[in-house]
Structures are given as C-alpha cells and as structure tokens.
Amino acid sequence: MPKMGLILQGGGALGAYEYGAVQRLNERMTEISYESRFLVHHADADGSLAPFTNMLEAIERDLPPDSSVRATESFHQLFRLRALKNLR
C-alpha cells in the first residue's frame, strides 16, 4: 500500500479536531479496503452482489424483532454491508 504524509496545523481545539478527522479517515480507508477485498471474493461474474445482499435482507426480515442478536455489534456491522448492493 502506498504511503502518504499529512501535515496538521494549529493546536488546541483545532489540533484535536484534525486528529479526530484523521482517525475517522483511517477507519474509512480500512472499510473501503475491506469492501474491495469482499467484492473480489464474493461478487458474481457480472460484479453483482445481489445474492449476498438479498440474503442479508431476508435475515433482517425473518429475524424476530425481539431477537437478542439484533442488539449485537456484529449484527450491526454485518448489516452495514447492505450498502454494497449500490456498488457496480
């Protein structure tokens, strides 16, 4: 992976804000990297993730509303992948 540098300016509240923004940017870059690897391994020949995202929607629809699984962090992370159906 290519490396890059970033110069932050200021201090105090500005420095804290910039540091928080950099942390979020790093998290998002990790998510994008994961999504790209996911696509390579799970997309159909035409690049569609429809079977996968349809399965996620079926789980959400069929899982009882009061299921303790719905409260887990893993469940919420998994369901963030529903957005993958918007990728082409």
C-alpha atoms as a PDB file:
ATOM      1  CA  MET A   1       0.000   0.000   0.000  1.00  0.00           C
ATOM      2  CA  PRO A   2       1.382   3.434  -0.884  1.00  0.00           C
ATOM      3  CA  LYS A   3       2.331   5.684   1.976  1.00  0.00           C
ATOM      4  CA  MET A   4       1.377   9.316   2.300  1.00  0.00           C
ATOM      5  CA  GLY A   5       2.068  12.092   4.728  1.00  0.00           C
ATOM      6  CA  LEU A   6      -0.254  14.618   6.266  1.00  0.00           C
ATOM      7  CA  ILE A   7       0.695  17.899   7.887  1.00  0.00           C
ATOM      8  CA  LEU A   8      -1.680  19.203  10.542  1.00  0.00           C
ATOM      9  CA  GLN A   9      -1.697  22.823  11.577  1.00  0.00           C
ATOM     10  CA  GLY A  10      -2.764  24.552  14.710  1.00  0.00           C
ATOM     11  CA  GLY A  11      -3.105  23.315  18.229  1.00  0.00           C
ATOM     12  CA  GLY A  12      -5.656  23.100  20.983  1.00  0.00           C
ATOM     13  CA  ALA A  13      -9.180  22.569  19.683  1.00  0.00           C
ATOM     14  CA  LEU A  14      -8.104  22.716  16.026  1.00  0.00           C
ATOM     15  CA  GLY A  15      -5.470  20.051  16.602  1.00  0.00           C
ATOM     16  CA  ALA A  16      -7.963  17.855  18.426  1.00  0.00           C
ATOM     17  CA  TYR A  17     -10.490  18.281  15.611  1.00  0.00           C
ATOM     18  CA  GLU A  18      -7.897  17.453  12.958  1.00  0.00           C
ATOM     19  CA  TYR A  19      -6.728  14.405  14.909  1.00  0.00           C
ATOM     20  CA  GLY A  20     -10.321  13.138  15.128  1.00  0.00           C
ATOM     21  CA  ALA A  21     -10.805  13.708  11.406  1.00  0.00           C
ATOM     22  CA  VAL A  22      -7.621  11.777  10.629  1.00  0.00           C
ATOM     23  CA  GLN A  23      -8.741   8.888  12.834  1.00  0.00           C
ATOM     24  CA  ARG A  24     -12.092   8.713  11.015  1.00  0.00           C
ATOM     25  CA  LEU A  25     -10.357   8.921   7.637  1.00  0.00           C
ATOM     26  CA  ASN A  26      -8.135   5.996   8.611  1.00  0.00           C
ATOM     27  CA  GLU A  27     -11.172   3.968   9.716  1.00  0.00           C
ATOM     28  CA  ARG A  28     -12.960   4.725   6.443  1.00  0.00           C
ATOM     29  CA  MET A  29      -9.912   3.742   4.389  1.00  0.00           C
ATOM     30  CA  THR A  30      -9.895   0.403   6.206  1.00  0.00           C
ATOM     31  CA  GLU A  31     -13.605  -0.054   5.413  1.00  0.00           C
ATOM     32  CA  ILE A  32     -13.025   0.717   1.729  1.00  0.00           C
ATOM     33  CA  SER A  33     -10.131  -1.730   1.614  1.00  0.00           C
ATOM     34  CA  TYR A  34     -12.305  -4.425   3.206  1.00  0.00           C
ATOM     35  CA  GLU A  35     -15.175  -3.733   0.805  1.00  0.00           C
ATOM     36  CA  SER A  36     -12.825  -4.029  -2.172  1.00  0.00           C
ATOM     37  CA  ARG A  37     -11.497  -7.403  -0.993  1.00  0.00           C
ATOM     38  CA  PHE A  38     -15.062  -8.507  -0.295  1.00  0.00           C
ATOM     39  CA  LEU A  39     -16.107  -7.661  -3.849  1.00  0.00           C
ATOM     40  CA  VAL A  40     -13.205  -9.584  -5.341  1.00  0.00           C
ATOM     41  CA  HIS A  41     -14.159 -12.722  -3.415  1.00  0.00           C
ATOM     42  CA  HIS A  42     -17.972 -12.603  -3.388  1.00  0.00           C
ATOM     43  CA  ALA A  43     -19.246 -10.808  -6.488  1.00  0.00           C
ATOM     44  CA  ASP A  44     -20.918 -12.732  -9.297  1.00  0.00           C
ATOM     45  CA  ALA A  45     -19.319 -12.931 -12.734  1.00  0.00           C
ATOM     46  CA  ASP A  46     -21.132  -9.705 -13.649  1.00  0.00           C
ATOM     47  CA  GLY A  47     -19.900  -7.962 -10.477  1.00  0.00           C
ATOM     48  CA  SER A  48     -23.247  -8.142  -8.713  1.00  0.00           C
ATOM     49  CA  LEU A  49     -23.606  -8.791  -5.012  1.00  0.00           C
ATOM     50  CA  ALA A  50     -27.380  -9.244  -5.309  1.00  0.00           C
ATOM     51  CA  PRO A  51     -27.464 -12.813  -3.898  1.00  0.00           C
ATOM     52  CA  PHE A  52     -25.475 -11.720  -0.841  1.00  0.00           C
ATOM     53  CA  THR A  53     -27.443  -8.538  -0.183  1.00  0.00           C
ATOM     54  CA  ASN A  54     -30.749 -10.350  -0.792  1.00  0.00           C
ATOM     55  CA  MET A  55     -29.719 -12.894   1.856  1.00  0.00           C
ATOM     56  CA  LEU A  56     -28.967 -10.075   4.315  1.00  0.00           C
ATOM     57  CA  GLU A  57     -32.374  -8.531   3.672  1.00  0.00           C
ATOM     58  CA  ALA A  58     -34.049 -11.921   4.197  1.00  0.00           C
ATOM     59  CA  ILE A  59     -32.246 -12.378   7.530  1.00  0.00           C
ATOM     60  CA  GLU A  60     -33.314  -8.932   8.671  1.00  0.00           C
ATOM     61  CA  ARG A  61     -36.904  -9.551   7.578  1.00  0.00           C
ATOM     62  CA  ASP A  62     -37.184 -13.042   9.120  1.00  0.00           C
ATOM     63  CA  LEU A  63     -35.277 -12.455  12.366  1.00  0.00           C
ATOM     64  CA  PRO A  64     -37.770 -11.764  15.159  1.00  0.00           C
ATOM     65  CA  PRO A  65     -37.804  -8.093  16.214  1.00  0.00           C
ATOM     66  CA  ASP A  66     -37.079  -9.028  19.833  1.00  0.00           C
ATOM     67  CA  SER A  67     -34.123 -11.294  18.997  1.00  0.00           C
ATOM     68  CA  SER A  68     -31.072 -10.592  21.150  1.00  0.00           C
ATOM     69  CA  VAL A  69     -28.945 -10.992  18.005  1.00  0.00           C
ATOM     70  CA  ARG A  70     -30.235  -7.637  16.740  1.00  0.00           C
ATOM     71  CA  ALA A  71     -28.543  -5.885  19.684  1.00  0.00           C
ATOM     72  CA  THR A  72     -25.053  -7.239  18.947  1.00  0.00           C
ATOM     73  CA  GLU A  73     -22.301  -5.168  17.370  1.00  0.00           C
ATOM     74  CA  SER A  74     -21.620  -7.991  14.904  1.00  0.00           C
ATOM     75  CA  PHE A  75     -25.189  -7.816  13.608  1.00  0.00           C
ATOM     76  CA  HIS A  76     -24.889  -4.070  13.027  1.00  0.00           C
ATOM     77  CA  GLN A  77     -21.525  -4.437  11.303  1.00  0.00           C
ATOM     78  CA  LEU A  78     -22.876  -7.158   9.041  1.00  0.00           C
ATOM     79  CA  PHE A  79     -25.859  -5.083   8.045  1.00  0.00           C
ATOM     80  CA  ARG A  80     -23.672  -2.154   7.056  1.00  0.00           C
ATOM     81  CA  LEU A  81     -22.699  -4.381   4.125  1.00  0.00           C
ATOM     82  CA  ARG A  82     -26.196  -3.952   2.680  1.00  0.00           C
ATOM     83  CA  ALA A  83     -24.855  -0.773   1.103  1.00  0.00           C
ATOM     84  CA  LEU A  84     -22.733  -2.974  -1.141  1.00  0.00           C
ATOM     85  CA  LYS A  85     -25.780  -3.543  -3.326  1.00  0.00           C
ATOM     86  CA  ASN A  86     -25.287   0.042  -4.517  1.00  0.00           C
ATOM     87  CA  LEU A  87     -21.831  -0.731  -5.906  1.00  0.00           C
ATOM     88  CA  ARG A  88     -21.330  -1.701  -9.510  1.00  0.00           C
END
